[in-house]
């Protein structure tokens, strides 16, 4: 029963936050808040991706040349910085990642 109460509470909070933007369409944020909101996607994506690069097994830090996640992540960052092209970054990152996993014998095939 506690799980359902928790799920219902999260639903109410999420709905009320999203509904408030429609209920008050003339709501304007101060410039400082708008400037801060500009960095939210970058911060969220970093918080999701970096732990996967540094702790690929979910338990131990791995700073080695055998960590395909870390090496591919760093190369993908370089591709993004050089090309500034989303499709090139995604495609190049995936290609580098799978080639590294194949070269290191880490693919489950």
PDB file of N, CA and C in Angstrom:
ATOM      1  N   UNK A   1       0.818  -1.198   0.000  1.00  0.00           N
ATOM      2  CA  UNK A   1       0.000   0.000   0.000  1.00  0.00           C
ATOM      3  C   UNK A   1       0.867   1.271   0.000  1.00  0.00           C
ATOM      4  N   UNK A   2       2.023   1.204   0.672  1.00  0.00           N
ATOM      5  CA  UNK A   2       2.882   2.377   0.725  1.00  0.00           C
ATOM      6  C   UNK A   2       3.391   2.754  -0.661  1.00  0.00           C
ATOM      7  N   UNK A   3       3.628   1.762  -1.510  1.00  0.00           N
ATOM      8  CA  UNK A   3       4.099   2.054  -2.865  1.00  0.00           C
ATOM      9  C   UNK A   3       3.056   2.839  -3.647  1.00  0.00           C
ATOM     10  N   UNK A   4       1.790   2.473  -3.497  1.00  0.00           N
ATOM     11  CA  UNK A   4       0.731   3.180  -4.217  1.00  0.00           C
ATOM     12  C   UNK A   4       0.587   4.612  -3.728  1.00  0.00           C
ATOM     13  N   UNK A   5       0.745   4.825  -2.438  1.00  0.00           N
ATOM     14  CA  UNK A   5       0.685   6.186  -1.900  1.00  0.00           C
ATOM     15  C   UNK A   5       1.846   7.012  -2.461  1.00  0.00           C
ATOM     16  N   UNK A   6       3.020   6.406  -2.520  1.00  0.00           N
ATOM     17  CA  UNK A   6       4.185   7.086  -3.073  1.00  0.00           C
ATOM     18  C   UNK A   6       3.987   7.414  -4.551  1.00  0.00           C
ATOM     19  N   UNK A   7       3.503   6.465  -5.319  1.00  0.00           N
ATOM     20  CA  UNK A   7       3.254   6.694  -6.746  1.00  0.00           C
ATOM     21  C   UNK A   7       2.202   7.778  -6.932  1.00  0.00           C
ATOM     22  N   UNK A   8       1.127   7.732  -6.146  1.00  0.00           N
ATOM     23  CA  UNK A   8       0.080   8.750  -6.258  1.00  0.00           C
ATOM     24  C   UNK A   8       0.628  10.126  -5.893  1.00  0.00           C
ATOM     25  N   UNK A   9       1.464  10.195  -4.847  1.00  0.00           N
ATOM     26  CA  UNK A   9       2.050  11.476  -4.456  1.00  0.00           C
ATOM     27  C   UNK A   9       2.944  12.047  -5.538  1.00  0.00           C
ATOM     28  N   UNK A  10       3.756  11.193  -6.163  1.00  0.00           N
ATOM     29  CA  UNK A  10       4.608  11.659  -7.256  1.00  0.00           C
ATOM     30  C   UNK A  10       3.770  12.127  -8.439  1.00  0.00           C
ATOM     31  N   UNK A  11       2.658  11.428  -8.696  1.00  0.00           N
ATOM     32  CA  UNK A  11       1.783  11.818  -9.791  1.00  0.00           C
ATOM     33  C   UNK A  11       1.178  13.199  -9.538  1.00  0.00           C
ATOM     34  N   UNK A  12       0.720  13.436  -8.305  1.00  0.00           N
ATOM     35  CA  UNK A  12       0.112  14.722  -7.970  1.00  0.00           C
ATOM     36  C   UNK A  12       1.141  15.853  -8.100  1.00  0.00           C
ATOM     37  N   UNK A  13       2.339  15.630  -7.608  1.00  0.00           N
ATOM     38  CA  UNK A  13       3.377  16.666  -7.678  1.00  0.00           C
ATOM     39  C   UNK A  13       3.752  16.959  -9.134  1.00  0.00           C
ATOM     40  N   UNK A  14       3.957  15.904  -9.925  1.00  0.00           N
ATOM     41  CA  UNK A  14       4.323  16.091 -11.331  1.00  0.00           C
ATOM     42  C   UNK A  14       3.211  16.802 -12.092  1.00  0.00           C
ATOM     43  N   UNK A  15       1.976  16.371 -11.889  1.00  0.00           N
ATOM     44  CA  UNK A  15       0.844  16.982 -12.588  1.00  0.00           C
ATOM     45  C   UNK A  15       0.688  18.447 -12.201  1.00  0.00           C
ATOM     46  N   UNK A  16       0.818  18.750 -10.905  1.00  0.00           N
ATOM     47  CA  UNK A  16       0.621  20.135 -10.479  1.00  0.00           C
ATOM     48  C   UNK A  16       1.717  21.055 -11.019  1.00  0.00           C
ATOM     49  N   UNK A  17       2.936  20.551 -11.084  1.00  0.00           N
ATOM     50  CA  UNK A  17       4.016  21.377 -11.636  1.00  0.00           C
ATOM     51  C   UNK A  17       3.770  21.654 -13.123  1.00  0.00           C
ATOM     52  N   UNK A  18       3.402  20.619 -13.863  1.00  0.00           N
ATOM     53  CA  UNK A  18       3.181  20.810 -15.302  1.00  0.00           C
ATOM     54  C   UNK A  18       1.910  21.610 -15.581  1.00  0.00           C
ATOM     55  N   UNK A  19       0.876  21.396 -14.778  1.00  0.00           N
ATOM     56  CA  UNK A  19      -0.371  22.120 -14.982  1.00  0.00           C
ATOM     57  C   UNK A  19      -0.202  23.600 -14.673  1.00  0.00           C
ATOM     58  N   UNK A  20       0.664  23.926 -13.730  1.00  0.00           N
ATOM     59  CA  UNK A  20       0.832  25.328 -13.345  1.00  0.00           C
ATOM     60  C   UNK A  20       1.317  26.176 -14.513  1.00  0.00           C
ATOM     61  N   UNK A  21       2.092  25.574 -15.428  1.00  0.00           N
ATOM     62  CA  UNK A  21       2.560  26.344 -16.579  1.00  0.00           C
ATOM     63  C   UNK A  21       1.420  26.664 -17.544  1.00  0.00           C
ATOM     64  N   UNK A  22       0.384  25.805 -17.577  1.00  0.00           N
ATOM     65  CA  UNK A  22      -0.776  26.083 -18.419  1.00  0.00           C
ATOM     66  C   UNK A  22      -1.788  26.967 -17.696  1.00  0.00           C
ATOM     67  N   UNK A  23      -1.887  26.824 -16.385  1.00  0.00           N
ATOM     68  CA  UNK A  23      -2.855  27.605 -15.609  1.00  0.00           C
ATOM     69  C   UNK A  23      -2.455  29.078 -15.532  1.00  0.00           C
ATOM     70  N   UNK A  24      -1.154  29.341 -15.558  1.00  0.00           N
ATOM     71  CA  UNK A  24      -0.662  30.711 -15.473  1.00  0.00           C
ATOM     72  C   UNK A  24       0.198  31.015 -16.706  1.00  0.00           C
ATOM     73  N   UNK A  25      -0.435  31.209 -17.877  1.00  0.00           N
ATOM     74  CA  UNK A  25       0.353  31.392 -19.107  1.00  0.00           C
ATOM     75  C   UNK A  25       1.147  32.694 -19.146  1.00  0.00           C
ATOM     76  N   UNK A  26       0.779  33.661 -18.330  1.00  0.00           N
ATOM     77  CA  UNK A  26       1.489  34.941 -18.327  1.00  0.00           C
ATOM     78  C   UNK A  26       2.633  34.973 -17.318  1.00  0.00           C
ATOM     79  N   UNK A  27       2.928  33.820 -16.746  1.00  0.00           N
ATOM     80  CA  UNK A  27       4.004  33.738 -15.766  1.00  0.00           C
ATOM     81  C   UNK A  27       5.344  33.988 -16.448  1.00  0.00           C
ATOM     82  N   UNK A  28       6.103  34.921 -15.923  1.00  0.00           N
ATOM     83  CA  UNK A  28       7.415  35.253 -16.485  1.00  0.00           C
ATOM     84  C   UNK A  28       8.462  35.075 -15.394  1.00  0.00           C
ATOM     85  N   UNK A  29       9.542  34.403 -15.739  1.00  0.00           N
ATOM     86  CA  UNK A  29      10.626  34.201 -14.791  1.00  0.00           C
ATOM     87  C   UNK A  29      11.589  35.374 -14.866  1.00  0.00           C
ATOM     88  N   UNK A  30      12.231  35.688 -13.745  1.00  0.00           N
ATOM     89  CA  UNK A  30      13.255  36.739 -13.775  1.00  0.00           C
ATOM     90  C   UNK A  30      14.429  36.300 -14.657  1.00  0.00           C
ATOM     91  N   UNK A  31      15.188  37.253 -15.160  1.00  0.00           N
ATOM     92  CA  UNK A  31      16.307  36.913 -16.043  1.00  0.00           C
ATOM     93  C   UNK A  31      17.318  35.953 -15.419  1.00  0.00           C
ATOM     94  N   UNK A  32      17.567  36.081 -14.129  1.00  0.00           N
ATOM     95  CA  UNK A  32      18.524  35.192 -13.469  1.00  0.00           C
ATOM     96  C   UNK A  32      18.027  33.742 -13.482  1.00  0.00           C
ATOM     97  N   UNK A  33      16.739  33.539 -13.267  1.00  0.00           N
ATOM     98  CA  UNK A  33      16.165  32.188 -13.292  1.00  0.00           C
ATOM     99  C   UNK A  33      16.206  31.631 -14.708  1.00  0.00           C
ATOM    100  N   UNK A  34      15.858  32.455 -15.693  1.00  0.00           N
ATOM    101  CA  UNK A  34      15.920  31.999 -17.083  1.00  0.00           C
ATOM    102  C   UNK A  34      17.332  31.625 -17.487  1.00  0.00           C
ATOM    103  N   UNK A  35      18.304  32.387 -17.032  1.00  0.00           N
ATOM    104  CA  UNK A  35      19.697  32.081 -17.337  1.00  0.00           C
ATOM    105  C   UNK A  35      20.106  30.765 -16.678  1.00  0.00           C
ATOM    106  N   UNK A  36      19.661  30.531 -15.455  1.00  0.00           N
ATOM    107  CA  UNK A  36      19.969  29.280 -14.772  1.00  0.00           C
ATOM    108  C   UNK A  36      19.295  28.087 -15.427  1.00  0.00           C
ATOM    109  N   UNK A  37      18.071  28.250 -15.890  1.00  0.00           N
ATOM    110  CA  UNK A  37      17.350  27.162 -16.554  1.00  0.00           C
ATOM    111  C   UNK A  37      18.001  26.773 -17.881  1.00  0.00           C
ATOM    112  N   UNK A  38      18.765  27.677 -18.442  1.00  0.00           N
ATOM    113  CA  UNK A  38      19.462  27.393 -19.698  1.00  0.00           C
ATOM    114  C   UNK A  38      20.463  26.241 -19.537  1.00  0.00           C
ATOM    115  N   UNK A  39      21.012  26.075 -18.335  1.00  0.00           N
ATOM    116  CA  UNK A  39      22.036  25.056 -18.089  1.00  0.00           C
ATOM    117  C   UNK A  39      21.477  23.732 -17.568  1.00  0.00           C
ATOM    118  N   UNK A  40      20.184  23.635 -17.343  1.00  0.00           N
ATOM    119  CA  UNK A  40      19.589  22.413 -16.790  1.00  0.00           C
ATOM    120  C   UNK A  40      19.799  21.199 -17.695  1.00  0.00           C
ATOM    121  N   UNK A  41      19.537  21.257 -19.011  1.00  0.00           N
ATOM    122  CA  UNK A  41      19.738  20.055 -19.831  1.00  0.00           C
ATOM    123  C   UNK A  41      21.170  19.541 -19.803  1.00  0.00           C
ATOM    124  N   UNK A  42      22.142  20.435 -19.836  1.00  0.00           N
ATOM    125  CA  UNK A  42      23.543  20.018 -19.788  1.00  0.00           C
ATOM    126  C   UNK A  42      23.865  19.354 -18.458  1.00  0.00           C
ATOM    127  N   UNK A  43      23.382  19.918 -17.368  1.00  0.00           N
ATOM    128  CA  UNK A  43      23.651  19.352 -16.047  1.00  0.00           C
ATOM    129  C   UNK A  43      23.000  17.984 -15.881  1.00  0.00           C
ATOM    130  N   UNK A  44      21.774  17.840 -16.361  1.00  0.00           N
ATOM    131  CA  UNK A  44      21.071  16.559 -16.233  1.00  0.00           C
ATOM    132  C   UNK A  44      21.747  15.491 -17.083  1.00  0.00           C
ATOM    133  N   UNK A  45      22.091  15.817 -18.317  1.00  0.00           N
ATOM    134  CA  UNK A  45      22.754  14.852 -19.182  1.00  0.00           C
ATOM    135  C   UNK A  45      24.113  14.436 -18.604  1.00  0.00           C
ATOM    136  N   UNK A  46      24.848  15.384 -18.052  1.00  0.00           N
ATOM    137  CA  UNK A  46      26.131  15.070 -17.432  1.00  0.00           C
ATOM    138  C   UNK A  46      25.941  14.141 -16.233  1.00  0.00           C
ATOM    139  N   UNK A  47      24.930  14.410 -15.423  1.00  0.00           N
ATOM    140  CA  UNK A  47      24.678  13.569 -14.249  1.00  0.00           C
ATOM    141  C   UNK A  47      24.269  12.150 -14.633  1.00  0.00           C
ATOM    142  N   UNK A  48      23.695  11.967 -15.803  1.00  0.00           N
ATOM    143  CA  UNK A  48      23.308  10.635 -16.254  1.00  0.00           C
ATOM    144  C   UNK A  48      24.481   9.907 -16.892  1.00  0.00           C
ATOM    145  N   UNK A  49      25.264  10.586 -17.712  1.00  0.00           N
ATOM    146  CA  UNK A  49      26.291   9.935 -18.525  1.00  0.00           C
ATOM    147  C   UNK A  49      27.594   9.679 -17.768  1.00  0.00           C
ATOM    148  N   UNK A  50      28.073  10.627 -16.996  1.00  0.00           N
ATOM    149  CA  UNK A  50      29.393  10.503 -16.368  1.00  0.00           C
ATOM    150  C   UNK A  50      29.501   9.302 -15.424  1.00  0.00           C
ATOM    151  N   UNK A  51      28.525   9.016 -14.570  1.00  0.00           N
ATOM    152  CA  UNK A  51      28.665   7.803 -13.750  1.00  0.00           C
ATOM    153  C   UNK A  51      28.759   6.527 -14.584  1.00  0.00           C
ATOM    154  N   UNK A  52      28.076   6.470 -15.706  1.00  0.00           N
ATOM    155  CA  UNK A  52      28.182   5.307 -16.577  1.00  0.00           C
ATOM    156  C   UNK A  52      29.549   5.170 -17.213  1.00  0.00           C
ATOM    157  N   UNK A  53      30.218   6.283 -17.431  1.00  0.00           N
ATOM    158  CA  UNK A  53      31.566   6.242 -17.999  1.00  0.00           C
ATOM    159  C   UNK A  53      32.600   5.849 -16.954  1.00  0.00           C
ATOM    160  N   UNK A  54      32.454   6.343 -15.740  1.00  0.00           N
ATOM    161  CA  UNK A  54      33.468   6.134 -14.715  1.00  0.00           C
ATOM    162  C   UNK A  54      33.228   4.882 -13.871  1.00  0.00           C
ATOM    163  N   UNK A  55      31.974   4.446 -13.774  1.00  0.00           N
ATOM    164  CA  UNK A  55      31.637   3.257 -12.981  1.00  0.00           C
ATOM    165  C   UNK A  55      30.790   2.327 -13.851  1.00  0.00           C
ATOM    166  N   UNK A  56      31.380   1.711 -14.881  1.00  0.00           N
ATOM    167  CA  UNK A  56      30.581   0.941 -15.838  1.00  0.00           C
ATOM    168  C   UNK A  56      29.895  -0.294 -15.242  1.00  0.00           C
ATOM    169  N   UNK A  57      30.469  -0.887 -14.209  1.00  0.00           N
ATOM    170  CA  UNK A  57      29.824  -2.054 -13.611  1.00  0.00           C
ATOM    171  C   UNK A  57      28.857  -1.663 -12.499  1.00  0.00           C
ATOM    172  N   UNK A  58      28.803  -0.388 -12.162  1.00  0.00           N
ATOM    173  CA  UNK A  58      27.884   0.098 -11.148  1.00  0.00           C
ATOM    174  C   UNK A  58      28.402  -0.022  -9.731  1.00  0.00           C
ATOM    175  N   UNK A  59      29.623  -0.529  -9.545  1.00  0.00           N
ATOM    176  CA  UNK A  59      30.134  -0.722  -8.192  1.00  0.00           C
ATOM    177  C   UNK A  59      31.532  -0.164  -7.981  1.00  0.00           C
ATOM    178  N   UNK A  60      32.395  -0.243  -8.990  1.00  0.00           N
ATOM    179  CA  UNK A  60      33.796   0.126  -8.820  1.00  0.00           C
ATOM    180  C   UNK A  60      34.203   1.187  -9.840  1.00  0.00           C
ATOM    181  N   UNK A  61      35.011   2.146  -9.373  1.00  0.00           N
ATOM    182  CA  UNK A  61      35.578   3.138 -10.275  1.00  0.00           C
ATOM    183  C   UNK A  61      36.539   2.433 -11.210  1.00  0.00           C
ATOM    184  N   UNK A  62      36.550   2.835 -12.471  1.00  0.00           N
ATOM    185  CA  UNK A  62      37.448   2.190 -13.418  1.00  0.00           C
ATOM    186  C   UNK A  62      38.106   3.251 -14.300  1.00  0.00           C
ATOM    187  N   UNK A  63      39.322   3.646 -13.910  1.00  0.00           N
ATOM    188  CA  UNK A  63      40.117   4.595 -14.678  1.00  0.00           C
ATOM    189  C   UNK A  63      41.244   3.824 -15.355  1.00  0.00           C
ATOM    190  N   UNK A  64      40.925   3.113 -16.410  1.00  0.00           N
ATOM    191  CA  UNK A  64      41.962   2.333 -17.087  1.00  0.00           C
ATOM    192  C   UNK A  64      41.714   2.355 -18.588  1.00  0.00           C
ATOM    193  N   UNK A  65      42.710   1.886 -19.335  1.00  0.00           N
ATOM    194  CA  UNK A  65      42.573   1.832 -20.789  1.00  0.00           C
ATOM    195  C   UNK A  65      41.666   0.683 -21.206  1.00  0.00           C
ATOM    196  N   UNK A  66      41.277  -0.181 -20.282  1.00  0.00           N
ATOM    197  CA  UNK A  66      40.338  -1.265 -20.581  1.00  0.00           C
ATOM    198  C   UNK A  66      38.884  -0.831 -20.428  1.00  0.00           C
ATOM    199  N   UNK A  67      38.656   0.409 -20.047  1.00  0.00           N
ATOM    200  CA  UNK A  67      37.300   0.922 -19.877  1.00  0.00           C
ATOM    201  C   UNK A  67      36.843   1.552 -21.189  1.00  0.00           C
ATOM    202  N   UNK A  68      36.130   0.757 -22.003  1.00  0.00           N
ATOM    203  CA  UNK A  68      35.660   1.248 -23.305  1.00  0.00           C
ATOM    204  C   UNK A  68      34.664   2.385 -23.144  1.00  0.00           C
ATOM    205  N   UNK A  69      33.906   2.392 -22.054  1.00  0.00           N
ATOM    206  CA  UNK A  69      32.927   3.447 -21.815  1.00  0.00           C
ATOM    207  C   UNK A  69      33.627   4.805 -21.645  1.00  0.00           C
ATOM    208  N   UNK A  70      34.693   4.819 -20.864  1.00  0.00           N
ATOM    209  CA  UNK A  70      35.425   6.060 -20.618  1.00  0.00           C
ATOM    210  C   UNK A  70      36.132   6.556 -21.875  1.00  0.00           C
ATOM    211  N   UNK A  71      36.821   5.670 -22.561  1.00  0.00           N
ATOM    212  CA  UNK A  71      37.555   6.071 -23.765  1.00  0.00           C
ATOM    213  C   UNK A  71      36.590   6.550 -24.846  1.00  0.00           C
ATOM    214  N   UNK A  72      35.522   5.797 -25.072  1.00  0.00           N
ATOM    215  CA  UNK A  72      34.536   6.195 -26.084  1.00  0.00           C
ATOM    216  C   UNK A  72      33.851   7.503 -25.696  1.00  0.00           C
ATOM    217  N   UNK A  73      33.599   7.696 -24.412  1.00  0.00           N
ATOM    218  CA  UNK A  73      32.994   8.947 -23.957  1.00  0.00           C
ATOM    219  C   UNK A  73      33.889  10.145 -24.215  1.00  0.00           C
ATOM    220  N   UNK A  74      35.170   9.994 -23.936  1.00  0.00           N
ATOM    221  CA  UNK A  74      36.110  11.092 -24.181  1.00  0.00           C
ATOM    222  C   UNK A  74      36.259  11.387 -25.670  1.00  0.00           C
ATOM    223  N   UNK A  75      36.289  10.334 -26.492  1.00  0.00           N
ATOM    224  CA  UNK A  75      36.368  10.540 -27.946  1.00  0.00           C
ATOM    225  C   UNK A  75      35.086  11.186 -28.460  1.00  0.00           C
ATOM    226  N   UNK A  76      33.947  10.790 -27.906  1.00  0.00           N
ATOM    227  CA  UNK A  76      32.671  11.394 -28.305  1.00  0.00           C
ATOM    228  C   UNK A  76      32.634  12.869 -27.942  1.00  0.00           C
ATOM    229  N   UNK A  77      33.164  13.229 -26.787  1.00  0.00           N
ATOM    230  CA  UNK A  77      33.237  14.642 -26.405  1.00  0.00           C
ATOM    231  C   UNK A  77      34.104  15.405 -27.399  1.00  0.00           C
ATOM    232  N   UNK A  78      35.204  14.798 -27.824  1.00  0.00           N
ATOM    233  CA  UNK A  78      36.073  15.444 -28.818  1.00  0.00           C
ATOM    234  C   UNK A  78      35.354  15.601 -30.155  1.00  0.00           C
ATOM    235  N   UNK A  79      34.613  14.574 -30.576  1.00  0.00           N
ATOM    236  CA  UNK A  79      33.850  14.666 -31.829  1.00  0.00           C
ATOM    237  C   UNK A  79      32.833  15.794 -31.745  1.00  0.00           C
ATOM    238  N   UNK A  80      32.146  15.887 -30.606  1.00  0.00           N
ATOM    239  CA  UNK A  80      31.150  16.948 -30.431  1.00  0.00           C
ATOM    240  C   UNK A  80      31.788  18.326 -30.466  1.00  0.00           C
ATOM    241  N   UNK A  81      32.949  18.459 -29.841  1.00  0.00           N
ATOM    242  CA  UNK A  81      33.622  19.761 -29.809  1.00  0.00           C
ATOM    243  C   UNK A  81      34.142  20.164 -31.183  1.00  0.00           C
ATOM    244  N   UNK A  82      34.604  19.181 -31.957  1.00  0.00           N
ATOM    245  CA  UNK A  82      35.165  19.492 -33.264  1.00  0.00           C
ATOM    246  C   UNK A  82      34.104  19.722 -34.333  1.00  0.00           C
ATOM    247  N   UNK A  83      33.058  18.895 -34.336  1.00  0.00           N
ATOM    248  CA  UNK A  83      32.083  18.975 -35.424  1.00  0.00           C
ATOM    249  C   UNK A  83      30.880  19.855 -35.112  1.00  0.00           C
ATOM    250  N   UNK A  84      30.481  19.908 -33.836  1.00  0.00           N
ATOM    251  CA  UNK A  84      29.259  20.630 -33.446  1.00  0.00           C
ATOM    252  C   UNK A  84      28.041  20.120 -34.231  1.00  0.00           C
ATOM    253  N   UNK A  85      28.053  18.824 -34.545  1.00  0.00           N
ATOM    254  CA  UNK A  85      26.989  18.204 -35.330  1.00  0.00           C
ATOM    255  C   UNK A  85      26.439  17.030 -34.524  1.00  0.00           C
ATOM    256  N   UNK A  86      25.154  17.073 -34.205  1.00  0.00           N
ATOM    257  CA  UNK A  86      24.552  16.075 -33.325  1.00  0.00           C
ATOM    258  C   UNK A  86      24.623  14.666 -33.904  1.00  0.00           C
ATOM    259  N   UNK A  87      24.271  14.514 -35.176  1.00  0.00           N
ATOM    260  CA  UNK A  87      24.271  13.183 -35.790  1.00  0.00           C
ATOM    261  C   UNK A  87      25.689  12.619 -35.881  1.00  0.00           C
ATOM    262  N   UNK A  88      26.664  13.452 -36.202  1.00  0.00           N
ATOM    263  CA  UNK A  88      28.057  13.000 -36.250  1.00  0.00           C
ATOM    264  C   UNK A  88      28.531  12.584 -34.860  1.00  0.00           C
ATOM    265  N   UNK A  89      28.108  13.301 -33.846  1.00  0.00           N
ATOM    266  CA  UNK A  89      28.501  12.964 -32.481  1.00  0.00           C
ATOM    267  C   UNK A  89      27.914  11.625 -32.060  1.00  0.00           C
ATOM    268  N   UNK A  90      26.621  11.430 -32.293  1.00  0.00           N
ATOM    269  CA  UNK A  90      25.967  10.177 -31.904  1.00  0.00           C
ATOM    270  C   UNK A  90      26.530   9.007 -32.702  1.00  0.00           C
ATOM    271  N   UNK A  91      26.590   9.158 -34.020  1.00  0.00           N
ATOM    272  CA  UNK A  91      27.103   8.077 -34.860  1.00  0.00           C
ATOM    273  C   UNK A  91      28.561   7.759 -34.588  1.00  0.00           C
ATOM    274  N   UNK A  92      29.389   8.792 -34.482  1.00  0.00           N
ATOM    275  CA  UNK A  92      30.809   8.581 -34.201  1.00  0.00           C
ATOM    276  C   UNK A  92      31.028   7.965 -32.833  1.00  0.00           C
ATOM    277  N   UNK A  93      30.283   8.415 -31.839  1.00  0.00           N
ATOM    278  CA  UNK A  93      30.406   7.860 -30.498  1.00  0.00           C
ATOM    279  C   UNK A  93      30.014   6.395 -30.444  1.00  0.00           C
ATOM    280  N   UNK A  94      28.904   6.050 -31.082  1.00  0.00           N
ATOM    281  CA  UNK A  94      28.488   4.647 -31.110  1.00  0.00           C
ATOM    282  C   UNK A  94      29.485   3.780 -31.867  1.00  0.00           C
ATOM    283  N   UNK A  95      29.959   4.283 -32.989  1.00  0.00           N
ATOM    284  CA  UNK A  95      30.933   3.522 -33.774  1.00  0.00           C
ATOM    285  C   UNK A  95      32.211   3.283 -32.969  1.00  0.00           C
ATOM    286  N   UNK A  96      32.734   4.324 -32.339  1.00  0.00           N
ATOM    287  CA  UNK A  96      33.941   4.187 -31.527  1.00  0.00           C
ATOM    288  C   UNK A  96      33.695   3.236 -30.363  1.00  0.00           C
ATOM    289  N   UNK A  97      32.556   3.356 -29.712  1.00  0.00           N
ATOM    290  CA  UNK A  97      32.254   2.503 -28.565  1.00  0.00           C
ATOM    291  C   UNK A  97      32.221   1.028 -28.955  1.00  0.00           C
ATOM    292  N   UNK A  98      31.488   0.708 -30.022  1.00  0.00           N
ATOM    293  CA  UNK A  98      31.384  -0.699 -30.405  1.00  0.00           C
ATOM    294  C   UNK A  98      32.698  -1.235 -30.979  1.00  0.00           C
ATOM    295  N   UNK A  99      33.458  -0.403 -31.681  1.00  0.00           N
ATOM    296  CA  UNK A  99      34.768  -0.847 -32.152  1.00  0.00           C
ATOM    297  C   UNK A  99      35.716  -1.111 -30.982  1.00  0.00           C
ATOM    298  N   UNK A 100      35.679  -0.259 -29.970  1.00  0.00           N
ATOM    299  CA  UNK A 100      36.508  -0.489 -28.791  1.00  0.00           C
ATOM    300  C   UNK A 100      36.093  -1.763 -28.061  1.00  0.00           C
ATOM    301  N   UNK A 101      34.791  -1.946 -27.886  1.00  0.00           N
ATOM    302  CA  UNK A 101      34.317  -3.165 -27.205  1.00  0.00           C
ATOM    303  C   UNK A 101      34.710  -4.403 -28.000  1.00  0.00           C
ATOM    304  N   UNK A 102      34.636  -4.326 -29.332  1.00  0.00           N
ATOM    305  CA  UNK A 102      35.018  -5.459 -30.175  1.00  0.00           C
ATOM    306  C   UNK A 102      36.522  -5.716 -30.062  1.00  0.00           C
ATOM    307  N   UNK A 103      37.328  -4.651 -30.120  1.00  0.00           N
ATOM    308  CA  UNK A 103      38.779  -4.801 -30.057  1.00  0.00           C
ATOM    309  C   UNK A 103      39.237  -5.324 -28.689  1.00  0.00           C
ATOM    310  N   UNK A 104      38.515  -4.982 -27.639  1.00  0.00           N
ATOM    311  CA  UNK A 104      38.877  -5.431 -26.307  1.00  0.00           C
ATOM    312  C   UNK A 104      38.275  -6.792 -25.956  1.00  0.00           C
ATOM    313  N   UNK A 105      37.496  -7.351 -26.865  1.00  0.00           N
ATOM    314  CA  UNK A 105      36.875  -8.648 -26.607  1.00  0.00           C
ATOM    315  C   UNK A 105      35.779  -8.586 -25.564  1.00  0.00           C
ATOM    316  N   UNK A 106      35.094  -7.448 -25.454  1.00  0.00           N
ATOM    317  CA  UNK A 106      34.058  -7.284 -24.440  1.00  0.00           C
ATOM    318  C   UNK A 106      32.643  -7.434 -24.985  1.00  0.00           C
ATOM    319  N   UNK A 107      32.506  -7.679 -26.287  1.00  0.00           N
ATOM    320  CA  UNK A 107      31.167  -7.878 -26.835  1.00  0.00           C
ATOM    321  C   UNK A 107      30.676  -9.284 -26.497  1.00  0.00           C
ATOM    322  N   UNK A 108      29.423  -9.424 -26.126  1.00  0.00           N
ATOM    323  CA  UNK A 108      28.919 -10.754 -25.742  1.00  0.00           C
ATOM    324  C   UNK A 108      28.575 -11.636 -26.929  1.00  0.00           C
ATOM    325  N   UNK A 109      29.112 -11.357 -28.086  1.00  0.00           N
ATOM    326  CA  UNK A 109      28.798 -12.155 -29.294  1.00  0.00           C
ATOM    327  C   UNK A 109      29.715 -13.349 -29.343  1.00  0.00           C
TER     328      UNK A 109
END
